Amino acid sequence: MPTAHSADPVLHGVGRGSPQDADNSFRVPIYTDRFAADPHAAYAHMRERFGSLAPIWLAPGVPATLVIGYWTALKIMHDPEMRCGARQYFSCH
């Protein structure tokens, strides 16, 4: 059942870096030596460019969305639809 928050782009990442809609050319590779050398600068750049949801490459060919906003992370963790989705994905019913 949809909640009042179900269409909230902050919660669900629509248009803000979700793997389904991100242009892969904008993804930030976080597996590189460059990222490892100065992750704080990389996070600051991602926050400035993308907001609290950043499109990233976990590894070559592995897209993901990194939650780098505290309040967005709290909203996601407290959203029953998101928790249910994670349980289904990880099969931890």
C-alpha atoms as a PDB file:
ATOM      1  CA  MET A   1       0.000   0.000   0.000  1.00  0.00           C
ATOM      2  CA  PRO A   2       1.489   3.418  -0.957  1.00  0.00           C
ATOM      3  CA  THR A   3       2.278   5.783   1.837  1.00  0.00           C
ATOM      4  CA  ALA A   4       2.355   9.569   1.860  1.00  0.00           C
ATOM      5  CA  HIS A   5       6.096   9.266   1.273  1.00  0.00           C
ATOM      6  CA  SER A   6       6.023   6.783  -1.606  1.00  0.00           C
ATOM      7  CA  ALA A   7       6.392   9.431  -4.326  1.00  0.00           C
ATOM      8  CA  ASP A   8       9.008  11.424  -2.423  1.00  0.00           C
ATOM      9  CA  PRO A   9      12.090  11.694  -4.684  1.00  0.00           C
ATOM     10  CA  VAL A  10      14.332  12.181  -1.652  1.00  0.00           C
ATOM     11  CA  LEU A  11      13.299   8.783  -0.349  1.00  0.00           C
ATOM     12  CA  HIS A  12      13.314   6.882  -3.593  1.00  0.00           C
ATOM     13  CA  GLY A  13      15.972   8.612  -5.639  1.00  0.00           C
ATOM     14  CA  VAL A  14      13.901   9.273  -8.743  1.00  0.00           C
ATOM     15  CA  GLY A  15      15.981  11.575 -10.875  1.00  0.00           C
ATOM     16  CA  ARG A  16      18.656  11.891  -8.181  1.00  0.00           C
ATOM     17  CA  GLY A  17      21.147   9.193  -8.973  1.00  0.00           C
ATOM     18  CA  SER A  18      19.231   5.972  -8.694  1.00  0.00           C
ATOM     19  CA  PRO A  19      20.714   3.141 -10.780  1.00  0.00           C
ATOM     20  CA  GLN A  20      17.558   2.939 -12.885  1.00  0.00           C
ATOM     21  CA  ASP A  21      17.709   6.510 -14.200  1.00  0.00           C
ATOM     22  CA  ALA A  22      21.282   7.706 -13.840  1.00  0.00           C
ATOM     23  CA  ASP A  23      23.366   8.494 -16.875  1.00  0.00           C
ATOM     24  CA  ASN A  24      26.317   6.169 -16.360  1.00  0.00           C
ATOM     25  CA  SER A  25      28.731   8.876 -17.489  1.00  0.00           C
ATOM     26  CA  PHE A  26      27.952  10.738 -14.234  1.00  0.00           C
ATOM     27  CA  ARG A  27      28.710   7.822 -11.919  1.00  0.00           C
ATOM     28  CA  VAL A  28      31.654   8.258  -9.573  1.00  0.00           C
ATOM     29  CA  PRO A  29      34.003   5.251  -9.324  1.00  0.00           C
ATOM     30  CA  ILE A  30      34.706   4.628  -5.647  1.00  0.00           C
ATOM     31  CA  TYR A  31      37.027   1.669  -6.249  1.00  0.00           C
ATOM     32  CA  THR A  32      39.897   3.759  -7.640  1.00  0.00           C
ATOM     33  CA  ASP A  33      43.192   4.829  -6.108  1.00  0.00           C
ATOM     34  CA  ARG A  34      42.136   8.437  -6.708  1.00  0.00           C
ATOM     35  CA  PHE A  35      39.045   7.973  -4.509  1.00  0.00           C
ATOM     36  CA  ALA A  36      41.050   6.141  -1.844  1.00  0.00           C
ATOM     37  CA  ALA A  37      43.656   8.898  -1.758  1.00  0.00           C
ATOM     38  CA  ASP A  38      41.123  11.573  -0.701  1.00  0.00           C
ATOM     39  CA  PRO A  39      37.665  10.155   0.028  1.00  0.00           C
ATOM     40  CA  HIS A  40      36.609  13.251   2.011  1.00  0.00           C
ATOM     41  CA  ALA A  41      37.071  15.471  -1.037  1.00  0.00           C
ATOM     42  CA  ALA A  42      35.231  12.935  -3.199  1.00  0.00           C
ATOM     43  CA  TYR A  43      32.263  12.850  -0.791  1.00  0.00           C
ATOM     44  CA  ALA A  44      32.163  16.667  -0.660  1.00  0.00           C
ATOM     45  CA  HIS A  45      32.176  16.819  -4.458  1.00  0.00           C
ATOM     46  CA  MET A  46      29.397  14.206  -4.695  1.00  0.00           C
ATOM     47  CA  ARG A  47      27.266  16.084  -2.136  1.00  0.00           C
ATOM     48  CA  GLU A  48      27.716  19.323  -4.063  1.00  0.00           C
ATOM     49  CA  ARG A  49      26.970  17.760  -7.430  1.00  0.00           C
ATOM     50  CA  PHE A  50      24.259  15.201  -6.599  1.00  0.00           C
ATOM     51  CA  GLY A  51      22.835  15.997  -3.184  1.00  0.00           C
ATOM     52  CA  SER A  52      22.268  13.194  -0.722  1.00  0.00           C
ATOM     53  CA  LEU A  53      22.016  10.367  -3.284  1.00  0.00           C
ATOM     54  CA  ALA A  54      25.053   9.913  -5.507  1.00  0.00           C
ATOM     55  CA  PRO A  55      25.336   7.589  -8.527  1.00  0.00           C
ATOM     56  CA  ILE A  56      28.491   5.515  -8.130  1.00  0.00           C
ATOM     57  CA  TRP A  57      30.389   2.556  -9.495  1.00  0.00           C
ATOM     58  CA  LEU A  58      31.133   0.074  -6.678  1.00  0.00           C
ATOM     59  CA  ALA A  59      33.357  -1.814  -9.099  1.00  0.00           C
ATOM     60  CA  PRO A  60      33.676  -1.777 -12.878  1.00  0.00           C
ATOM     61  CA  GLY A  61      30.192  -2.474 -14.258  1.00  0.00           C
ATOM     62  CA  VAL A  62      28.533  -2.499 -10.822  1.00  0.00           C
ATOM     63  CA  PRO A  63      26.282   0.576 -10.507  1.00  0.00           C
ATOM     64  CA  ALA A  64      24.825   1.680  -7.192  1.00  0.00           C
ATOM     65  CA  THR A  65      23.424   4.657  -5.355  1.00  0.00           C
ATOM     66  CA  LEU A  66      25.386   5.910  -2.366  1.00  0.00           C
ATOM     67  CA  VAL A  67      23.381   7.597   0.381  1.00  0.00           C
ATOM     68  CA  ILE A  68      25.587  10.390   1.713  1.00  0.00           C
ATOM     69  CA  GLY A  69      22.955  12.504   3.435  1.00  0.00           C
ATOM     70  CA  TYR A  70      22.232  11.825   7.095  1.00  0.00           C
ATOM     71  CA  TRP A  71      18.562  12.862   6.975  1.00  0.00           C
ATOM     72  CA  THR A  72      17.972  10.989   3.736  1.00  0.00           C
ATOM     73  CA  ALA A  73      19.522   7.873   5.278  1.00  0.00           C
ATOM     74  CA  LEU A  74      17.187   8.181   8.266  1.00  0.00           C
ATOM     75  CA  LYS A  75      14.158   8.578   5.991  1.00  0.00           C
ATOM     76  CA  ILE A  76      15.166   5.512   4.010  1.00  0.00           C
ATOM     77  CA  MET A  77      15.783   3.415   7.136  1.00  0.00           C
ATOM     78  CA  HIS A  78      12.428   4.419   8.615  1.00  0.00           C
ATOM     79  CA  ASP A  79      10.401   3.912   5.414  1.00  0.00           C
ATOM     80  CA  PRO A  80       8.552   0.569   5.737  1.00  0.00           C
ATOM     81  CA  GLU A  81       8.471   0.171   1.946  1.00  0.00           C
ATOM     82  CA  MET A  82      12.246   0.492   1.739  1.00  0.00           C
ATOM     83  CA  ARG A  83      12.835  -1.941   4.610  1.00  0.00           C
ATOM     84  CA  CYS A  84      10.472  -4.425   2.997  1.00  0.00           C
ATOM     85  CA  GLY A  85      12.318  -4.070  -0.309  1.00  0.00           C
ATOM     86  CA  ALA A  86      15.659  -4.727   1.371  1.00  0.00           C
ATOM     87  CA  ARG A  87      14.287  -7.816   3.105  1.00  0.00           C
ATOM     88  CA  GLN A  88      12.993  -9.155  -0.200  1.00  0.00           C
ATOM     89  CA  TYR A  89      16.294  -8.423  -1.935  1.00  0.00           C
ATOM     90  CA  PHE A  90      18.373 -10.080   0.784  1.00  0.00           C
ATOM     91  CA  SER A  91      15.779 -12.784   1.533  1.00  0.00           C
ATOM     92  CA  CYS A  92      15.716 -12.027   5.245  1.00  0.00           C
ATOM     93  CA  HIS A  93      12.021 -12.344   6.056  1.00  0.00           C
END
